[in-house]
Protein backbone atom coordinates (compact mmCIF):
# COMPACT_ATOMS: atom_id res chain seq x y z
CA LEU A 1 115.51 95.48 106.33
CA ASN A 2 117.42 93.25 108.75
CA ALA A 3 119.82 92.28 106.03
CA VAL A 4 121.01 95.82 105.40
CA PRO A 5 124.23 96.55 106.82
CA GLY A 6 123.91 98.11 110.22
CA ARG A 7 125.26 101.21 111.52
CA ALA A 8 128.55 101.12 113.44
CA PRO A 9 128.12 100.19 117.13
CA ARG A 10 128.07 103.34 119.76
CA GLN A 11 131.27 103.98 121.45
CA ARG A 12 131.95 104.90 124.93
CA VAL A 13 135.21 105.89 127.10
CA ARG A 14 136.38 103.22 129.60
CA PHE A 15 139.50 103.53 131.68
CA LEU A 16 141.45 100.28 131.15
CA PRO A 17 144.56 99.15 132.98
CA ALA A 18 147.71 99.14 130.93
CA PRO A 19 151.34 98.67 131.93
CA ALA A 20 152.97 101.80 133.21
CA PRO A 21 155.73 103.48 131.17
CA GLY A 22 158.37 102.75 133.90
CA GLY A 23 157.88 99.00 133.72
CA GLY A 24 158.46 97.00 136.68
CA GLY A 25 155.04 95.33 136.44
CA ALA A 26 153.11 98.62 137.57
CA VAL A 27 149.63 99.14 136.06
CA GLU A 28 148.03 102.33 135.29
CA LEU A 29 144.21 103.40 134.02
CA VAL A 30 144.27 104.59 130.32
CA ALA A 31 141.27 106.14 128.64
CA ALA A 32 140.10 104.28 125.55
CA ARG A 33 137.17 104.09 123.45
CA VAL A 34 135.39 100.56 123.23
CA PRO A 35 131.96 99.46 121.48
CA VAL A 36 128.75 99.31 123.53
CA LEU A 37 128.02 95.58 123.30
CA ALA A 38 124.35 96.33 123.96
CA ASP A 39 124.19 97.49 120.30
CA HIS A 40 125.42 94.28 118.95
CA PRO A 41 122.90 92.21 117.18
CA LEU A 42 123.59 89.00 118.97
CA VAL A 43 122.57 91.04 122.14
CA ARG A 44 119.80 92.96 121.08
CA GLY A 45 118.40 90.70 118.28
CA PRO A 46 116.94 91.82 114.82
CA ARG A 47 116.59 95.59 114.70
CA PHE A 48 113.20 95.57 113.00
CA ARG A 49 110.78 93.19 114.95
CA LYS A 50 107.49 94.97 114.69
CA LEU A 51 106.86 96.77 111.29
CA LYS A 52 103.13 97.65 111.03
CA ILE A 53 101.73 97.23 107.55
CA GLY A 54 98.24 98.06 106.34
CA ALA A 55 96.10 96.97 103.74
CA GLY A 56 94.01 99.38 101.52
CA HIS A 57 91.15 98.30 99.43
CA ARG A 58 91.38 94.57 99.45
CA LEU A 59 91.19 92.18 96.30
CA ASP A 60 89.60 88.72 96.73
CA VAL A 61 91.20 85.40 95.70
CA LYS A 62 89.77 85.64 92.17
CA ALA A 63 90.75 89.20 91.30
CA SER A 64 94.16 90.64 90.66
CA GLY A 65 95.79 93.96 90.01
CA VAL A 66 96.86 97.03 92.10
CA PHE A 67 96.91 96.34 95.80
CA VAL A 68 98.01 99.31 97.96
CA LEU A 69 99.73 98.73 101.39
CA GLY A 70 100.92 101.26 104.06
CA ILE A 71 104.08 100.85 105.85
CA GLY A 72 104.53 102.53 109.30
CA HIS A 73 103.53 106.21 108.81
CA GLY A 74 101.78 105.08 105.47
CA ASN A 75 98.97 103.39 107.58
CA LYS A 76 97.56 106.99 108.51
CA LEU A 77 97.93 108.03 104.80
CA LEU A 78 95.69 104.78 103.98
CA THR A 79 92.86 106.20 106.16
CA ASP A 80 93.23 109.52 104.63
CA LEU A 81 93.05 108.11 101.08
CA TYR A 82 90.01 106.03 102.11
CA ASN A 83 88.31 109.21 103.34
CA CYS A 84 88.81 110.72 99.89
CA HIS A 85 86.60 108.15 98.17
CA LEU A 86 88.78 107.89 95.11
CA THR A 87 87.58 106.11 92.05
CA LYS A 88 88.99 102.87 91.20
CA VAL A 89 89.14 101.10 87.54
CA TYR A 90 88.90 97.69 86.62
CA THR A 91 89.00 95.58 83.34
CA VAL A 92 86.42 92.86 83.52
CA GLY A 93 86.15 90.00 81.29
CA GLY A 94 82.94 88.19 80.36
CA LEU A 95 81.61 85.12 78.60
CA PHE A 96 78.19 84.84 77.29
CA GLY A 97 76.23 81.65 77.11
CA LYS A 98 76.27 80.20 80.58
CA ALA A 99 75.40 81.07 84.18
CA THR A 100 77.01 79.91 87.55
CA ASP A 101 76.11 80.00 91.15
CA ASP A 102 78.96 82.40 91.88
CA PHE A 103 78.79 84.61 88.70
CA SER A 104 82.41 83.28 88.02
CA ASP A 105 83.47 80.96 85.18
CA THR A 106 84.75 78.73 87.84
CA GLY A 107 81.50 78.43 89.83
CA ASN A 108 79.00 75.53 89.35
CA LEU A 109 76.99 75.56 86.17
CA VAL A 110 73.48 76.67 86.47
CA GLU A 111 72.23 77.04 82.84
CA LYS A 112 73.44 77.37 79.40
CA THR A 113 71.91 79.93 76.91
CA THR A 114 72.24 81.03 73.21
CA PHE A 115 74.06 84.21 72.57
CA ASP A 116 74.17 84.43 68.72
CA HIS A 117 71.59 87.39 68.88
CA ILE A 118 73.97 89.62 70.92
CA THR A 119 75.98 92.37 69.02
CA ARG A 120 78.15 95.14 70.27
CA GLU A 121 75.52 97.87 69.66
CA LYS A 122 73.16 96.19 72.14
CA LEU A 123 75.89 95.54 74.71
CA GLU A 124 76.76 99.35 74.55
CA ARG A 125 73.13 100.51 74.79
CA ILE A 126 72.80 98.38 78.02
CA LEU A 127 76.22 99.93 79.44
CA ALA A 128 74.91 103.55 78.49
CA VAL A 129 71.74 102.48 80.70
CA ILE A 130 73.86 101.16 83.64
CA GLN A 131 76.16 104.45 83.47
CA GLY A 132 73.16 106.76 83.17
CA THR A 133 71.35 105.09 86.19
CA ASN A 134 74.57 105.32 88.30
CA GLN A 135 75.35 108.95 87.49
CA LYS A 136 71.90 109.72 89.00
CA ALA A 137 72.83 107.75 92.10
CA LEU A 138 76.28 109.52 92.23
CA LEU A 139 74.63 112.81 92.39
CA MET A 140 72.10 111.69 95.06
CA TYR A 141 74.81 110.26 97.37
CA SER A 142 77.12 113.10 96.95
CA ASN A 143 74.51 115.51 98.89
CA ILE A 144 75.29 118.42 96.58
CA ASP A 145 72.86 121.05 95.23
CA MET A 146 73.57 120.80 91.35
CA LYS A 147 72.33 124.31 90.98
CA THR A 148 74.89 126.00 93.24
CA GLN A 149 78.40 127.24 92.48
CA GLU A 150 80.07 124.66 94.67
CA ALA A 151 78.54 121.87 92.61
CA TYR A 152 80.05 123.52 89.33
CA GLU A 153 83.57 123.89 90.91
CA LEU A 154 83.45 120.44 92.32
CA ALA A 155 82.40 119.05 88.62
CA VAL A 156 85.20 121.03 87.00
CA LYS A 157 87.67 119.56 89.58
CA GLY A 158 86.20 115.82 89.03
CA LEU A 159 85.44 115.79 92.92
CA ILE A 160 81.73 114.92 92.70
CA ARG A 161 81.58 111.67 94.68
CA PRO A 162 79.99 110.24 97.69
CA MET A 163 81.71 111.69 100.70
CA GLY A 164 80.17 108.93 103.01
CA LYS A 165 79.11 105.45 102.79
CA SER A 166 76.96 104.68 99.83
CA PRO A 167 76.08 101.44 97.82
CA PRO A 168 78.60 100.58 94.72
CA VAL A 169 78.44 103.11 92.09
CA ILE A 170 79.52 102.90 88.62
CA THR A 171 80.90 106.20 87.39
CA ALA A 172 81.72 105.05 83.87
CA VAL A 173 81.82 101.79 81.79
CA ARG A 174 82.83 101.07 78.42
CA CYS A 175 83.40 97.96 76.05
CA LEU A 176 87.07 97.45 75.39
CA GLN A 177 86.68 94.19 73.18
CA PHE A 178 83.93 92.30 71.67
CA ALA A 179 84.20 88.90 70.13
CA LEU A 180 81.48 86.53 70.71
CA PRO A 181 81.20 84.82 73.21
CA GLU A 182 83.69 86.98 74.93
CA PHE A 183 83.94 90.66 75.87
CA GLN A 184 85.79 92.92 78.00
CA LEU A 185 84.79 95.88 79.98
CA GLU A 186 86.38 98.91 81.66
CA ILE A 187 84.60 99.91 84.81
CA HIS A 188 85.26 102.97 87.00
CA CYS A 189 83.63 102.72 90.42
CA LEU A 190 83.28 103.41 94.05
CA HIS A 191 82.62 101.55 97.13
CA GLU A 192 82.39 98.27 95.09
CA THR A 193 83.42 94.74 95.74
CA GLN A 194 84.86 92.41 93.15
CA GLN A 195 81.79 90.13 93.55
CA HIS A 196 79.39 93.21 92.76
CA LEU A 197 81.28 93.54 89.46
CA ARG A 198 80.83 89.74 88.75
CA LYS A 199 77.19 90.11 89.62
CA MET A 200 77.05 93.01 87.20
CA VAL A 201 78.32 90.92 84.41
CA HIS A 202 75.50 88.40 85.29
CA GLU A 203 72.80 90.96 84.94
CA ILE A 204 74.33 92.39 81.66
CA GLY A 205 73.75 88.67 80.27
CA LEU A 206 70.15 88.74 81.54
CA GLU A 207 69.39 92.14 80.06
CA LEU A 208 70.48 90.83 76.70
CA LYS A 209 68.14 87.85 76.91
CA SER A 210 71.10 85.68 77.54
CA SER A 211 73.45 84.84 80.56
CA ALA A 212 76.99 85.61 81.02
CA VAL A 213 79.75 84.72 83.68
CA CYS A 214 82.74 86.91 84.70
CA THR A 215 86.17 85.40 83.68
CA GLN A 216 88.50 88.10 85.16
CA VAL A 217 88.44 91.00 87.65
CA ARG A 218 91.76 93.09 87.37
CA ARG A 219 92.02 96.24 89.12
CA ILE A 220 94.20 98.80 86.91
CA ARG A 221 93.97 101.86 89.13
CA ASP A 222 93.19 102.57 92.79
CA GLY A 223 93.01 106.18 93.18
CA VAL A 224 96.43 107.73 92.51
CA PHE A 225 98.03 104.40 92.11
CA THR A 226 98.09 102.58 88.72
CA VAL A 227 99.73 99.39 87.33
CA ASP A 228 102.65 101.22 86.49
CA ASP A 229 103.28 101.92 90.21
CA ALA A 230 102.88 98.30 91.15
CA LEU A 231 105.58 95.96 92.05
CA PRO A 232 105.45 92.60 90.67
CA ARG A 233 106.53 89.82 92.86
CA THR A 234 109.83 89.59 91.58
CA GLN A 235 110.58 93.04 92.76
CA TRP A 236 109.39 92.69 96.46
CA ASN A 237 112.81 93.72 97.85
CA LEU A 238 113.82 96.80 100.05
CA GLN A 239 115.26 98.85 97.31
CA SER A 240 112.24 98.41 94.99
CA ILE A 241 109.88 99.37 97.89
CA GLN A 242 111.71 102.50 98.93
CA GLU A 243 111.94 103.73 95.25
CA ALA A 244 107.99 103.04 94.77
CA ILE A 245 107.41 105.01 98.10
CA ARG A 246 109.40 107.98 96.94
CA ASN A 247 107.89 107.83 93.53
CA CYS A 248 104.16 107.88 94.86
CA GLN A 249 104.83 110.34 97.73
CA LEU A 250 104.11 113.59 95.85
CA LYS A 251 100.89 111.94 93.95
CA VAL A 252 99.53 111.05 97.54
CA GLU A 253 100.31 114.58 99.03
CA THR A 254 98.82 116.33 95.99
CA GLU A 255 95.43 114.31 96.14
CA LEU A 256 95.13 114.59 99.86
CA GLU A 257 95.58 118.21 99.61
CA LYS A 258 93.03 118.76 96.84
CA THR A 259 90.26 116.45 98.25
CA LEU A 260 90.77 116.84 101.93
CA GLY A 261 92.27 120.30 102.02
């Protein structure tokens, strides 16, 4: 921001001495416009010194993907989006055959197990059970009577979600890739942490009479924001950030109007 060419300095009228037309060393006062030196960068310093930036749903050091930031007025919008309790989507990689103390493939090895008996069908049955259990929890924490017209209208709009604090809820999960010992899941969730997703991979391994560690956690959607909206590190410049804000403005306004009215 400070590298952007600044506006022209303000002008003010001053009466300055100038030689009189008749000569002879006479001096008269002449009105002239001069710049206000108080606006000069060498006097006032950098224009932007306090620019408030807020972080949305955080990512831990072992996770990657979409990370939403709010700049200036956007900090209030971050709070509004948080109150919408929007779904986040992750791709999570797993590796059968070992367990670690922190459920990730970089942790301290705890045990090794066999995994040849695991098939994609068995994995998908476990995922169906997880999704069914979490769907019941979703309805319980949403505090909605499912026999009412309100519940029907919210279901049509896809707005059934916990509107307050709740434990992590998995709204959908499916297997994207399966090639023993590796697999990849797509997980739709609310109020999660990345460590919770790693623990979920560990528990899937136990359910399949084996063990598993998490090799990757990547957030591909955070509410209305997707990977396509995100700026890679090479595009962290003023022009790209301004363009990203403009491109996402309508999506944010639409979601806030739909959810919070």
